[in-house]
C-alpha atoms as a PDB file:
ATOM      1  CA  MET A   1      89.657  30.806  51.288  1.00  0.00           C
ATOM      2  CA  LEU A   2      89.278  32.117  47.747  1.00  0.00           C
ATOM      3  CA  LYS A   3      85.668  33.033  48.400  1.00  0.00           C
ATOM      4  CA  GLN A   4      86.637  34.980  51.507  1.00  0.00           C
ATOM      5  CA  ILE A   5      89.322  36.860  49.591  1.00  0.00           C
ATOM      6  CA  LYS A   6      86.896  37.730  46.781  1.00  0.00           C
ATOM      7  CA  TRP A   7      84.325  39.033  49.245  1.00  0.00           C
ATOM      8  CA  ARG A   8      86.957  41.227  50.845  1.00  0.00           C
ATOM      9  CA  LEU A   9      87.866  42.729  47.487  1.00  0.00           C
ATOM     10  CA  VAL A  10      84.219  43.355  46.754  1.00  0.00           C
ATOM     11  CA  PHE A  11      83.717  45.145  50.066  1.00  0.00           C
ATOM     12  CA  LYS A  12      86.831  47.293  49.530  1.00  0.00           C
ATOM     13  CA  CYS A  13      85.766  48.290  46.046  1.00  0.00           C
ATOM     14  CA  PHE A  14      82.269  49.070  47.280  1.00  0.00           C
ATOM     15  CA  ALA A  15      83.659  51.250  50.093  1.00  0.00           C
ATOM     16  CA  TRP A  16      85.829  53.187  47.641  1.00  0.00           C
ATOM     17  CA  VAL A  17      82.906  53.766  45.304  1.00  0.00           C
ATOM     18  CA  ILE A  18      80.770  55.089  48.157  1.00  0.00           C
ATOM     19  CA  THR A  19      83.578  57.381  49.357  1.00  0.00           C
ATOM     20  CA  LEU A  20      84.255  58.835  45.918  1.00  0.00           C
ATOM     21  CA  GLY A  21      80.560  59.278  45.298  1.00  0.00           C
ATOM     22  CA  GLY A  22      80.179  61.116  48.608  1.00  0.00           C
ATOM     23  CA  ILE A  23      83.064  63.438  47.801  1.00  0.00           C
ATOM     24  CA  ALA A  24      81.640  64.204  44.355  1.00  0.00           C
ATOM     25  CA  ALA A  25      78.211  64.891  45.829  1.00  0.00           C
ATOM     26  CA  LEU A  26      79.690  67.162  48.485  1.00  0.00           C
ATOM     27  CA  MET A  27      81.710  69.121  45.916  1.00  0.00           C
ATOM     28  CA  SER A  28      78.685  69.586  43.703  1.00  0.00           C
ATOM     29  CA  PHE A  29      76.669  70.744  46.704  1.00  0.00           C
ATOM     30  CA  VAL A  30      79.360  73.246  47.632  1.00  0.00           C
ATOM     31  CA  SER A  31      79.535  74.472  44.038  1.00  0.00           C
ATOM     32  CA  VAL A  32      75.771  74.956  43.885  1.00  0.00           C
ATOM     33  CA  LYS A  33      75.765  76.585  47.299  1.00  0.00           C
ATOM     34  CA  LYS A  34      78.607  78.891  46.313  1.00  0.00           C
ATOM     35  CA  GLN A  35      76.755  80.043  43.221  1.00  0.00           C
ATOM     36  CA  SER A  36      73.901  81.228  45.375  1.00  0.00           C
ATOM     37  CA  VAL A  37      76.076  82.848  48.072  1.00  0.00           C
ATOM     38  CA  LYS A  38      76.619  86.578  47.849  1.00  0.00           C
ATOM     39  CA  CYS A  39      79.387  88.652  49.387  1.00  0.00           C
ATOM     40  CA  THR A  40      78.183  89.944  52.734  1.00  0.00           C
ATOM     41  CA  ASN A  41      81.346  91.433  54.206  1.00  0.00           C
ATOM     42  CA  ILE A  42      85.083  92.016  53.665  1.00  0.00           C
ATOM     43  CA  LYS A  43      87.539  91.404  56.502  1.00  0.00           C
ATOM     44  CA  ILE A  44      91.084  92.734  56.130  1.00  0.00           C
ATOM     45  CA  LEU A  45      93.791  91.521  58.519  1.00  0.00           C
ATOM     46  CA  ILE A  46      97.126  93.386  58.675  1.00  0.00           C
ATOM     47  CA  PRO A  47      99.167  91.926  61.574  1.00  0.00           C
ATOM     48  CA  GLY A  48     101.985  93.870  63.200  1.00  0.00           C
ATOM     49  CA  ALA A  49     102.327  97.363  64.586  1.00  0.00           C
ATOM     50  CA  ASP A  50     104.364  98.761  61.668  1.00  0.00           C
ATOM     51  CA  ASN A  51     101.711  99.745  59.167  1.00  0.00           C
ATOM     52  CA  PHE A  52     103.234 100.839  55.884  1.00  0.00           C
ATOM     53  CA  ILE A  53      99.822 100.321  54.336  1.00  0.00           C
ATOM     54  CA  GLU A  54      96.389 101.109  55.787  1.00  0.00           C
ATOM     55  CA  ARG A  55      92.998  99.457  55.325  1.00  0.00           C
ATOM     56  CA  GLU A  56      91.822 102.438  53.260  1.00  0.00           C
ATOM     57  CA  GLU A  57      94.527 101.699  50.672  1.00  0.00           C
ATOM     58  CA  ILE A  58      93.381  98.075  50.399  1.00  0.00           C
ATOM     59  CA  ASP A  59      89.791  99.239  49.942  1.00  0.00           C
ATOM     60  CA  ALA A  60      90.973 101.557  47.181  1.00  0.00           C
ATOM     61  CA  ILE A  61      92.732  98.664  45.405  1.00  0.00           C
ATOM     62  CA  LEU A  62      89.574  96.538  45.620  1.00  0.00           C
ATOM     63  CA  LYS A  63      87.297  99.257  44.259  1.00  0.00           C
ATOM     64  CA  GLN A  64      89.713 100.183  41.507  1.00  0.00           C
ATOM     65  CA  ASN A  65      90.005  96.609  40.200  1.00  0.00           C
ATOM     66  CA  GLU A  66      86.740  94.876  41.154  1.00  0.00           C
ATOM     67  CA  GLY A  67      84.336  97.678  41.921  1.00  0.00           C
ATOM     68  CA  GLN A  68      81.626  97.068  44.522  1.00  0.00           C
ATOM     69  CA  LEU A  69      82.011  93.594  46.045  1.00  0.00           C
ATOM     70  CA  ILE A  70      79.338  93.451  48.733  1.00  0.00           C
ATOM     71  CA  GLY A  71      76.093  92.101  47.276  1.00  0.00           C
ATOM     72  CA  ARG A  72      77.729  90.315  44.349  1.00  0.00           C
ATOM     73  CA  HIS A  73      77.762  86.538  43.896  1.00  0.00           C
ATOM     74  CA  LEU A  74      81.041  84.960  44.967  1.00  0.00           C
ATOM     75  CA  THR A  75      81.330  83.182  41.622  1.00  0.00           C
ATOM     76  CA  SER A  76      81.522  86.531  39.852  1.00  0.00           C
ATOM     77  CA  ILE A  77      84.442  87.738  41.986  1.00  0.00           C
ATOM     78  CA  ASN A  78      87.968  86.824  40.860  1.00  0.00           C
ATOM     79  CA  LEU A  79      89.718  86.265  44.189  1.00  0.00           C
ATOM     80  CA  HIS A  80      93.016  85.309  42.540  1.00  0.00           C
ATOM     81  CA  ALA A  81      93.130  88.596  40.613  1.00  0.00           C
ATOM     82  CA  ILE A  82      92.504  90.511  43.846  1.00  0.00           C
ATOM     83  CA  GLU A  83      95.368  88.660  45.501  1.00  0.00           C
ATOM     84  CA  GLU A  84      97.780  89.508  42.679  1.00  0.00           C
ATOM     85  CA  LYS A  85      96.789  93.178  42.675  1.00  0.00           C
ATOM     86  CA  ILE A  86      97.441  93.437  46.414  1.00  0.00           C
ATOM     87  CA  LYS A  87     100.826  91.711  46.045  1.00  0.00           C
ATOM     88  CA  ALA A  88     101.842  94.367  43.526  1.00  0.00           C
ATOM     89  CA  ASN A  89     102.018  96.919  46.343  1.00  0.00           C
ATOM     90  CA  PRO A  90     105.732  97.435  47.237  1.00  0.00           C
ATOM     91  CA  TYR A  91     105.029  97.329  50.988  1.00  0.00           C
ATOM     92  CA  ILE A  92     103.281  93.934  50.867  1.00  0.00           C
ATOM     93  CA  ALA A  93     105.320  90.719  50.888  1.00  0.00           C
ATOM     94  CA  LEU A  94     102.449  88.220  50.845  1.00  0.00           C
ATOM     95  CA  SER A  95      98.652  88.321  50.571  1.00  0.00           C
ATOM     96  CA  THR A  96      96.016  85.613  50.901  1.00  0.00           C
ATOM     97  CA  VAL A  97      92.420  86.100  49.709  1.00  0.00           C
ATOM     98  CA  TYR A  98      89.612  83.561  50.243  1.00  0.00           C
ATOM     99  CA  ALA A  99      85.850  83.427  50.876  1.00  0.00           C
ATOM    100  CA  ASP A 100      83.827  81.295  53.293  1.00  0.00           C
ATOM    101  CA  MET A 101      80.326  79.869  52.930  1.00  0.00           C
ATOM    102  CA  ASP A 102      78.839  82.815  54.822  1.00  0.00           C
ATOM    103  CA  GLY A 103      79.809  85.161  52.021  1.00  0.00           C
ATOM    104  CA  VAL A 104      82.698  86.823  53.889  1.00  0.00           C
ATOM    105  CA  ILE A 105      85.831  87.607  51.872  1.00  0.00           C
ATOM    106  CA  HIS A 106      88.988  87.374  54.012  1.00  0.00           C
ATOM    107  CA  ILE A 107      92.121  89.298  53.022  1.00  0.00           C
ATOM    108  CA  GLU A 108      95.275  88.540  55.041  1.00  0.00           C
ATOM    109  CA  ILE A 109      98.330  90.710  54.411  1.00  0.00           C
ATOM    110  CA  ASN A 110     101.969  90.314  55.487  1.00  0.00           C
ATOM    111  CA  GLN A 111     103.948  93.540  55.195  1.00  0.00           C
ATOM    112  CA  ARG A 112     107.590  93.771  54.257  1.00  0.00           C
ATOM    113  CA  GLN A 113     109.863  94.164  57.263  1.00  0.00           C
ATOM    114  CA  PRO A 114     112.636  96.735  56.686  1.00  0.00           C
ATOM    115  CA  LEU A 115     116.059  95.924  58.110  1.00  0.00           C
ATOM    116  CA  LEU A 116     118.240  98.831  56.979  1.00  0.00           C
ATOM    117  CA  ARG A 117     117.673 102.321  55.633  1.00  0.00           C
ATOM    118  CA  ILE A 118     120.040 103.448  52.871  1.00  0.00           C
ATOM    119  CA  ILE A 119     120.931 107.014  51.906  1.00  0.00           C
ATOM    120  CA  ASN A 120     123.192 106.747  48.857  1.00  0.00           C
ATOM    121  CA  MET A 121     125.622 109.291  47.399  1.00  0.00           C
ATOM    122  CA  THR A 122     122.945 110.927  45.236  1.00  0.00           C
ATOM    123  CA  GLY A 123     120.602 111.398  48.191  1.00  0.00           C
ATOM    124  CA  GLN A 124     118.195 108.564  47.339  1.00  0.00           C
ATOM    125  CA  ASP A 125     116.457 107.134  50.383  1.00  0.00           C
ATOM    126  CA  PHE A 126     115.167 103.544  50.499  1.00  0.00           C
ATOM    127  CA  TYR A 127     114.936 100.453  52.707  1.00  0.00           C
ATOM    128  CA  ILE A 128     116.441  96.981  52.472  1.00  0.00           C
ATOM    129  CA  ASP A 129     114.045  94.404  53.919  1.00  0.00           C
ATOM    130  CA  LYS A 130     114.954  91.261  55.854  1.00  0.00           C
ATOM    131  CA  TYR A 131     115.079  89.224  52.622  1.00  0.00           C
ATOM    132  CA  GLY A 132     117.626  91.570  51.003  1.00  0.00           C
ATOM    133  CA  LEU A 133     115.176  93.339  48.676  1.00  0.00           C
ATOM    134  CA  LYS A 134     115.004  97.085  48.110  1.00  0.00           C
ATOM    135  CA  MET A 135     111.730  98.794  49.005  1.00  0.00           C
ATOM    136  CA  PRO A 136     110.633 102.454  49.087  1.00  0.00           C
ATOM    137  CA  VAL A 137     110.197 104.616  52.168  1.00  0.00           C
ATOM    138  CA  SER A 138     106.640 105.422  53.229  1.00  0.00           C
ATOM    139  CA  SER A 139     104.885 108.661  54.083  1.00  0.00           C
ATOM    140  CA  ASN A 140     102.613 106.742  56.485  1.00  0.00           C
ATOM    141  CA  PHE A 141     105.260 105.190  58.691  1.00  0.00           C
ATOM    142  CA  THR A 142     108.993 105.482  59.442  1.00  0.00           C
ATOM    143  CA  ALA A 143     110.674 102.267  60.558  1.00  0.00           C
ATOM    144  CA  ASN A 144     113.067 102.364  63.509  1.00  0.00           C
ATOM    145  CA  VAL A 145     116.038 100.667  61.833  1.00  0.00           C
ATOM    146  CA  LEU A 146     119.744 101.277  61.291  1.00  0.00           C
ATOM    147  CA  VAL A 147     120.693 104.015  58.838  1.00  0.00           C
ATOM    148  CA  ALA A 148     123.632 103.598  56.455  1.00  0.00           C
ATOM    149  CA  ASN A 149     125.062 106.505  54.471  1.00  0.00           C
ATOM    150  CA  GLY A 150     128.320 107.652  52.909  1.00  0.00           C
ATOM    151  CA  ARG A 151     129.983 106.260  49.796  1.00  0.00           C
ATOM    152  CA  ILE A 152     127.094 103.982  48.726  1.00  0.00           C
ATOM    153  CA  MET A 153     126.619 103.570  44.957  1.00  0.00           C
ATOM    154  CA  GLU A 154     123.457 101.412  45.075  1.00  0.00           C
ATOM    155  CA  HIS A 155     120.572 103.078  43.188  1.00  0.00           C
ATOM    156  CA  PHE A 156     116.821 102.593  43.602  1.00  0.00           C
ATOM    157  CA  THR A 157     114.315 102.630  40.743  1.00  0.00           C
ATOM    158  CA  GLY A 158     111.249 102.905  42.969  1.00  0.00           C
ATOM    159  CA  LYS A 159     110.262  99.230  42.636  1.00  0.00           C
ATOM    160  CA  VAL A 160     111.020  96.195  44.752  1.00  0.00           C
ATOM    161  CA  ASP A 161     114.282  94.808  43.428  1.00  0.00           C
ATOM    162  CA  THR A 162     117.363  92.805  44.384  1.00  0.00           C
ATOM    163  CA  LEU A 163     120.687  94.339  45.418  1.00  0.00           C
ATOM    164  CA  ILE A 164     123.248  95.040  42.696  1.00  0.00           C
ATOM    165  CA  THR A 165     126.518  96.248  44.256  1.00  0.00           C
ATOM    166  CA  LYS A 166     128.780  94.283  46.599  1.00  0.00           C
ATOM    167  CA  MET A 167     128.761  97.148  49.101  1.00  0.00           C
ATOM    168  CA  ALA A 168     124.966  96.974  49.386  1.00  0.00           C
ATOM    169  CA  SER A 169     125.191  93.207  49.938  1.00  0.00           C
ATOM    170  CA  ASP A 170     127.827  93.727  52.651  1.00  0.00           C
ATOM    171  CA  LEU A 171     125.647  96.324  54.343  1.00  0.00           C
ATOM    172  CA  TYR A 172     122.696  93.923  54.277  1.00  0.00           C
ATOM    173  CA  LYS A 173     124.763  91.062  55.765  1.00  0.00           C
ATOM    174  CA  THR A 174     126.140  93.371  58.452  1.00  0.00           C
ATOM    175  CA  ALA A 175     122.730  94.748  59.422  1.00  0.00           C
ATOM    176  CA  LEU A 176     121.267  91.235  59.527  1.00  0.00           C
ATOM    177  CA  PHE A 177     124.067  90.073  61.856  1.00  0.00           C
ATOM    178  CA  LEU A 178     123.670  93.061  64.184  1.00  0.00           C
ATOM    179  CA  LYS A 179     119.896  92.593  64.357  1.00  0.00           C
ATOM    180  CA  LYS A 180     120.242  89.011  65.584  1.00  0.00           C
ATOM    181  CA  ASP A 181     122.510  90.015  68.502  1.00  0.00           C
ATOM    182  CA  SER A 182     120.812  92.007  71.268  1.00  0.00           C
ATOM    183  CA  LEU A 183     124.082  93.638  72.412  1.00  0.00           C
ATOM    184  CA  TRP A 184     125.169  94.887  68.991  1.00  0.00           C
ATOM    185  CA  ASP A 185     121.626  95.801  68.028  1.00  0.00           C
ATOM    186  CA  SER A 186     121.614  98.206  70.975  1.00  0.00           C
ATOM    187  CA  GLN A 187     125.241  99.372  70.747  1.00  0.00           C
ATOM    188  CA  ILE A 188     125.557 100.175  67.027  1.00  0.00           C
ATOM    189  CA  GLU A 189     123.614 103.334  66.220  1.00  0.00           C
ATOM    190  CA  GLN A 190     124.615 104.060  62.620  1.00  0.00           C
ATOM    191  CA  ILE A 191     126.641 102.663  59.707  1.00  0.00           C
ATOM    192  CA  PHE A 192     128.913 104.806  57.549  1.00  0.00           C
ATOM    193  CA  VAL A 193     130.921 103.960  54.407  1.00  0.00           C
ATOM    194  CA  ASN A 194     134.121 106.028  54.203  1.00  0.00           C
ATOM    195  CA  ASP A 195     136.132 107.089  51.143  1.00  0.00           C
ATOM    196  CA  LYS A 196     138.188 103.878  51.319  1.00  0.00           C
ATOM    197  CA  ASP A 197     134.988 101.791  50.990  1.00  0.00           C
ATOM    198  CA  ASP A 198     135.371 100.590  54.580  1.00  0.00           C
ATOM    199  CA  ILE A 199     132.247 100.045  56.662  1.00  0.00           C
ATOM    200  CA  GLU A 200     132.332 101.984  59.937  1.00  0.00           C
ATOM    201  CA  PHE A 201     130.115 101.762  63.018  1.00  0.00           C
ATOM    202  CA  ILE A 202     128.981 104.729  65.088  1.00  0.00           C
ATOM    203  CA  PRO A 203     128.358 103.332  68.617  1.00  0.00           C
ATOM    204  CA  ARG A 204     126.001 104.624  71.291  1.00  0.00           C
ATOM    205  CA  VAL A 205     128.539 104.115  74.079  1.00  0.00           C
ATOM    206  CA  GLY A 206     131.894 105.781  73.432  1.00  0.00           C
ATOM    207  CA  ASN A 207     132.997 108.487  71.008  1.00  0.00           C
ATOM    208  CA  GLN A 208     135.150 106.280  68.804  1.00  0.00           C
ATOM    209  CA  ARG A 209     134.530 105.040  65.259  1.00  0.00           C
ATOM    210  CA  ILE A 210     134.677 101.265  64.789  1.00  0.00           C
ATOM    211  CA  ILE A 211     136.192 100.318  61.414  1.00  0.00           C
ATOM    212  CA  LEU A 212     134.775  96.992  60.207  1.00  0.00           C
ATOM    213  CA  GLY A 213     136.110  96.972  56.645  1.00  0.00           C
ATOM    214  CA  ASN A 214     133.845  94.554  54.776  1.00  0.00           C
ATOM    215  CA  ALA A 215     131.407  91.819  55.777  1.00  0.00           C
ATOM    216  CA  ASP A 216     133.949  88.983  55.423  1.00  0.00           C
ATOM    217  CA  SER A 217     134.573  87.004  58.650  1.00  0.00           C
ATOM    218  CA  LEU A 218     131.937  89.154  60.308  1.00  0.00           C
ATOM    219  CA  GLU A 219     131.382  86.825  63.241  1.00  0.00           C
ATOM    220  CA  THR A 220     135.119  86.666  64.022  1.00  0.00           C
ATOM    221  CA  LYS A 221     135.533  90.442  63.839  1.00  0.00           C
ATOM    222  CA  MET A 222     132.626  91.116  66.179  1.00  0.00           C
ATOM    223  CA  SER A 223     133.864  88.438  68.567  1.00  0.00           C
ATOM    224  CA  ASN A 224     137.249  90.199  68.646  1.00  0.00           C
ATOM    225  CA  LEU A 225     135.523  93.495  69.379  1.00  0.00           C
ATOM    226  CA  LEU A 226     133.584  91.939  72.242  1.00  0.00           C
ATOM    227  CA  THR A 227     136.826  90.564  73.704  1.00  0.00           C
ATOM    228  CA  PHE A 228     138.365  94.027  73.451  1.00  0.00           C
ATOM    229  CA  TYR A 229     135.326  95.496  75.194  1.00  0.00           C
ATOM    230  CA  LYS A 230     135.827  93.060  78.069  1.00  0.00           C
ATOM    231  CA  LYS A 231     139.588  93.400  78.474  1.00  0.00           C
ATOM    232  CA  ALA A 232     140.470  96.982  77.585  1.00  0.00           C
ATOM    233  CA  MET A 233     137.432  99.214  77.835  1.00  0.00           C
ATOM    234  CA  PRO A 234     136.741  98.700  81.563  1.00  0.00           C
ATOM    235  CA  LYS A 235     140.330  99.790  82.288  1.00  0.00           C
ATOM    236  CA  VAL A 236     140.929 102.689  79.914  1.00  0.00           C
ATOM    237  CA  GLY A 237     137.408 104.101  79.605  1.00  0.00           C
ATOM    238  CA  TRP A 238     134.974 104.445  76.728  1.00  0.00           C
ATOM    239  CA  ASP A 239     136.309 107.764  75.412  1.00  0.00           C
ATOM    240  CA  THR A 240     140.036 106.964  75.265  1.00  0.00           C
ATOM    241  CA  TYR A 241     140.236 105.892  71.626  1.00  0.00           C
ATOM    242  CA  LYS A 242     139.383 107.810  68.486  1.00  0.00           C
ATOM    243  CA  THR A 243     139.146 104.740  66.234  1.00  0.00           C
ATOM    244  CA  ILE A 244     138.982 100.986  66.824  1.00  0.00           C
ATOM    245  CA  ASN A 245     139.997  99.031  63.728  1.00  0.00           C
ATOM    246  CA  ILE A 246     138.758  95.416  63.756  1.00  0.00           C
ATOM    247  CA  LYS A 247     139.174  94.553  60.077  1.00  0.00           C
ATOM    248  CA  TYR A 248     142.428  92.650  60.711  1.00  0.00           C
ATOM    249  CA  THR A 249     142.375  88.989  61.763  1.00  0.00           C
ATOM    250  CA  ASN A 250     142.908  88.449  65.507  1.00  0.00           C
ATOM    251  CA  GLN A 251     144.247  91.962  65.968  1.00  0.00           C
ATOM    252  CA  ILE A 252     142.670  95.248  66.953  1.00  0.00           C
ATOM    253  CA  VAL A 253     144.467  98.484  66.073  1.00  0.00           C
ATOM    254  CA  CYS A 254     143.378 101.514  68.078  1.00  0.00           C
ATOM    255  CA  GLU A 255     144.116 105.188  67.621  1.00  0.00           C
ATOM    256  CA  LYS A 256     143.998 107.335  70.739  1.00  0.00           C
ATOM    257  CA  ASN A 257     142.419 110.736  70.844  1.00  0.00           C
ATOM    258  CA  ASN A 258     145.931 112.255  71.101  1.00  0.00           C
ATOM    259  CA  LEU A 259     146.732 110.638  67.725  1.00  0.00           C
ATOM    260  CA  ASP A 260     149.147 108.079  69.239  1.00  0.00           C
ATOM    261  CA  SER A 261     148.642 104.735  67.549  1.00  0.00           C
ATOM    262  CA  VAL A 262     148.713 101.627  69.658  1.00  0.00           C
ATOM    263  CA  SER A 263     148.234  98.000  68.712  1.00  0.00           C
ATOM    264  CA  SER A 264     146.447  95.742  71.175  1.00  0.00           C
ATOM    265  CA  ARG A 265     146.457  92.020  70.566  1.00  0.00           C
ATOM    266  CA  LEU A 266     143.699  89.805  71.861  1.00  0.00           C
ATOM    267  CA  SER A 267     146.066  88.081  74.269  1.00  0.00           C
ATOM    268  CA  GLY A 268     145.875  91.160  76.459  1.00  0.00           C
ATOM    269  CA  ALA A 269     149.665  91.464  76.825  1.00  0.00           C
ATOM    270  CA  ASN A 270     149.761  94.941  75.278  1.00  0.00           C
ATOM    271  CA  VAL A 271     146.666  96.312  76.967  1.00  0.00           C
ATOM    272  CA  PRO A 272     147.398  99.842  78.290  1.00  0.00           C
ATOM    273  CA  ARG A 273     147.914 100.360  82.002  1.00  0.00           C
ATOM    274  CA  PRO A 274     144.732 100.931  83.980  1.00  0.00           C
ATOM    275  CA  THR A 275     143.564 104.515  84.336  1.00  0.00           C
ATOM    276  CA  PRO A 276     140.553 105.948  86.202  1.00  0.00           C
ATOM    277  CA  LEU A 277     137.291 104.921  84.571  1.00  0.00           C
ATOM    278  CA  THR A 278     135.505 107.716  82.724  1.00  0.00           C
ATOM    279  CA  VAL A 279     131.891 107.255  81.768  1.00  0.00           C
ATOM    280  CA  ARG A 280     130.097 109.082  79.031  1.00  0.00           C
ATOM    281  CA  LYS A 281     127.581 111.578  80.428  1.00  0.00           C
ATOM    282  CA  VAL A 282     124.796 110.537  78.106  1.00  0.00           C
ATOM    283  CA  MET A 283     124.686 106.732  77.946  1.00  0.00           C
ATOM    284  CA  ASP A 284     122.036 104.475  76.546  1.00  0.00           C
ATOM    285  CA  SER A 285     120.636 102.480  79.471  1.00  0.00           C
ATOM    286  CA  ILE A 286     120.069  99.336  77.447  1.00  0.00           C
ATOM    287  CA  VAL A 287     123.646  99.194  76.190  1.00  0.00           C
ATOM    288  CA  LYS A 288     125.011  99.825  79.661  1.00  0.00           C
ATOM    289  CA  ALA A 289     123.018  96.929  81.064  1.00  0.00           C
ATOM    290  CA  GLU A 290     124.126  94.593  78.280  1.00  0.00           C
ATOM    291  CA  ILE A 291     127.830  95.380  78.682  1.00  0.00           C
ATOM    292  CA  ALA A 292     127.615  95.182  82.465  1.00  0.00           C
ATOM    293  CA  ALA A 293     126.070  91.739  82.130  1.00  0.00           C
ATOM    294  CA  GLU A 294     128.914  90.615  79.880  1.00  0.00           C
ATOM    295  CA  LEU A 295     131.483  91.821  82.404  1.00  0.00           C
ATOM    296  CA  ARG A 296     129.737  90.111  85.315  1.00  0.00           C
ATOM    297  CA  ASN A 297     129.749  86.820  83.421  1.00  0.00           C
ATOM    298  CA  ASN A 298     133.493  87.060  82.795  1.00  0.00           C
ATOM    299  CA  PRO A 299     135.394  85.497  85.751  1.00  0.00           C
ATOM    300  CA  GLU A 300     138.593  87.405  84.920  1.00  0.00           C
ATOM    301  CA  PHE A 301     137.062  90.710  85.915  1.00  0.00           C
ATOM    302  CA  LYS A 302     134.986  89.742  88.935  1.00  0.00           C
ATOM    303  CA  PRO A 303     137.675  90.939  91.427  1.00  0.00           C
ATOM    304  CA  ALA A 304     137.883  94.373  89.775  1.00  0.00           C
ATOM    305  CA  PRO A 305     134.876  95.868  91.570  1.00  0.00           C
ATOM    306  CA  VAL A 306     136.403  94.967  94.974  1.00  0.00           C
ATOM    307  CA  LYS A 307     139.396  97.297  94.483  1.00  0.00           C
ATOM    308  CA  PRO A 308     137.740 100.560  95.581  1.00  0.00           C
ATOM    309  CA  PRO A 309     138.549 101.305  99.260  1.00  0.00           C
ATOM    310  CA  ALA A 310     135.009 102.474  99.912  1.00  0.00           C
ATOM    311  CA  GLU A 311     134.059  98.950 100.905  1.00  0.00           C
ATOM    312  CA  VAL A 312     137.033  98.548 103.287  1.00  0.00           C
ATOM    313  CA  LYS A 313     136.550 101.766 105.253  1.00  0.00           C
ATOM    314  CA  PRO A 314     133.277 100.776 106.877  1.00  0.00           C
ATOM    315  CA  LYS A 315     134.879  97.591 108.247  1.00  0.00           C
ATOM    316  CA  THR A 316     137.746  99.457 109.972  1.00  0.00           C
ATOM    317  CA  GLU A 317     135.396 102.091 111.320  1.00  0.00           C
ATOM    318  CA  VAL A 318     133.167  99.443 112.887  1.00  0.00           C
ATOM    319  CA  LYS A 319     136.118  97.946 114.787  1.00  0.00           C
ATOM    320  CA  VAL A 320     137.243 101.351 116.071  1.00  0.00           C
ATOM    321  CA  VAL A 321     133.783 102.117 117.365  1.00  0.00           C
ATOM    322  CA  LYS A 322     133.572  98.845 119.290  1.00  0.00           C
ATOM    323  CA  LYS A 323     136.815  99.410 121.232  1.00  0.00           C
ATOM    324  CA  PRO A 324     135.974 102.819 122.735  1.00  0.00           C
ATOM    325  CA  ALA A 325     132.535 101.540 123.623  1.00  0.00           C
ATOM    326  CA  ALA A 326     134.075  98.660 125.602  1.00  0.00           C
ATOM    327  CA  LYS A 327     136.859 100.642 127.320  1.00  0.00           C
ATOM    328  CA  PRO A 328     134.759 103.163 129.270  1.00  0.00           C
ATOM    329  CA  GLU A 329     132.622 100.396 130.765  1.00  0.00           C
ATOM    330  CA  LYS A 330     135.414  97.967 131.698  1.00  0.00           C
ATOM    331  CA  ALA A 331     137.988 100.523 132.937  1.00  0.00           C
ATOM    332  CA  PRO A 332     136.221 101.539 136.166  1.00  0.00           C
ATOM    333  CA  ALA A 333     134.983  98.031 136.883  1.00  0.00           C
ATOM    334  CA  VAL A 334     138.422  96.445 136.498  1.00  0.00           C
ATOM    335  CA  ALA A 335     140.511  99.107 138.278  1.00  0.00           C
ATOM    336  CA  LYS A 336     138.511  99.227 141.510  1.00  0.00           C
ATOM    337  CA  PRO A 337     137.984  95.511 142.081  1.00  0.00           C
ATOM    338  CA  LYS A 338     141.669  94.727 141.608  1.00  0.00           C
ATOM    339  CA  ALA A 339     142.689  97.009 144.522  1.00  0.00           C
ATOM    340  CA  GLU A 340     139.777  96.101 146.746  1.00  0.00           C
ATOM    341  CA  VAL A 341     139.366  92.395 145.976  1.00  0.00           C
ATOM    342  CA  LYS A 342     141.183  91.200 149.101  1.00  0.00           C
ATOM    343  CA  VAL A 343     139.679  93.842 151.390  1.00  0.00           C
ATOM    344  CA  VAL A 344     136.167  93.465 150.086  1.00  0.00           C
ATOM    345  CA  LYS A 345     135.968  89.669 150.401  1.00  0.00           C
ATOM    346  CA  LYS A 346     135.757  89.839 154.217  1.00  0.00           C
ATOM    347  CA  PRO A 347     133.158  92.623 154.424  1.00  0.00           C
ATOM    348  CA  VAL A 348     130.924  90.725 152.027  1.00  0.00           C
ATOM    349  CA  ALA A 349     130.505  87.916 154.545  1.00  0.00           C
ATOM    350  CA  LYS A 350     130.346  90.283 157.565  1.00  0.00           C
ATOM    351  CA  PRO A 351     129.115  93.664 156.471  1.00  0.00           C
ATOM    352  CA  GLU A 352     128.708  94.991 160.065  1.00  0.00           C
ATOM    353  CA  LYS A 353     132.212  93.976 161.291  1.00  0.00           C
ATOM    354  CA  ALA A 354     133.970  95.763 158.488  1.00  0.00           C
ATOM    355  CA  PRO A 355     134.738  98.876 160.541  1.00  0.00           C
ATOM    356  CA  GLN A 356     136.271  96.732 163.370  1.00  0.00           C
ATOM    357  CA  ALA A 357     138.671  95.261 160.883  1.00  0.00           C
ATOM    358  CA  LYS A 358     139.828  98.756 160.014  1.00  0.00           C
ATOM    359  CA  LYS A 359     140.531  99.563 163.689  1.00  0.00           C
ATOM    360  CA  THR A 360     142.759  96.525 164.119  1.00  0.00           C
ATOM    361  CA  ASP A 361     144.707  97.592 161.057  1.00  0.00           C
ATOM    362  CA  LYS A 362     145.360 101.028 162.549  1.00  0.00           C
ATOM    363  CA  LYS A 363     146.692  99.540 165.812  1.00  0.00           C
END
């Protein structure tokens, strides 16, 4: 038994030695091979359709820092330094640079993704990306994102940096929440900060201003607004209110266009009486589809579309048309047989003797 165990240990140690030796030989071969390999090509990959930076700008960075790369030995090219130089660009979030054994240098770039565009009180214009970092606007490309303006004190130094003020952080949280929800992403067109430091929404559907306040309890506030959209808006119309204030917990305070203030609780007890539905002339089709889908999924408002009498009129008209169609055909057929049923039964069996029967009646 001891001999068998010793032989096993010997075989294991021998296998490990062979494996380590093979790895060392392979690494030395790769190192020697790499020393003789020259750069044959440079491939730059920039995924995504939003190009804040073009290939020409990457080529300029390479030439400025490393000079001519094609034709040089790979060992003489500092790939790590190239990677760091590319990362220094404010529009680039991540870059990866590596070379293969064919002499091709691969450069993969991930651009920063803007979430919100800020125009502060001094007129500075900059983006906030999805990670909450400030980044500059670009002359090459304009991102299709929400715009926030008004009383915003956040300043931008021109470099990628974190947010400083609480208002900027609230705007970032709000924009991030809206982006994740397809309905609100389509409905909210702009963000405004008023003189009271309250965040306001400018919607696509409706002429009212939606007062959010701050980003605290954001999910609850937007849920309350959605409930109000379902219960009140289909009845009173999208242009009835001047402001919709959702910054209070479980309560929505609305101000009508005639400056009458009305408080509508979520229970629906104080919802105004139904009035004819008025629809905004210019309505975003995406928002309309989203809100219509929400209403269809709500069982409380499924009977509402049945109220118009347009669907009832065709049914009554169909019945009226059937009766006159039946009367002209049955009237002559029923009136004549009833008077002639008894007289006609005999002539049917004896059609030729019918006139004799008439003579006997006369006598």
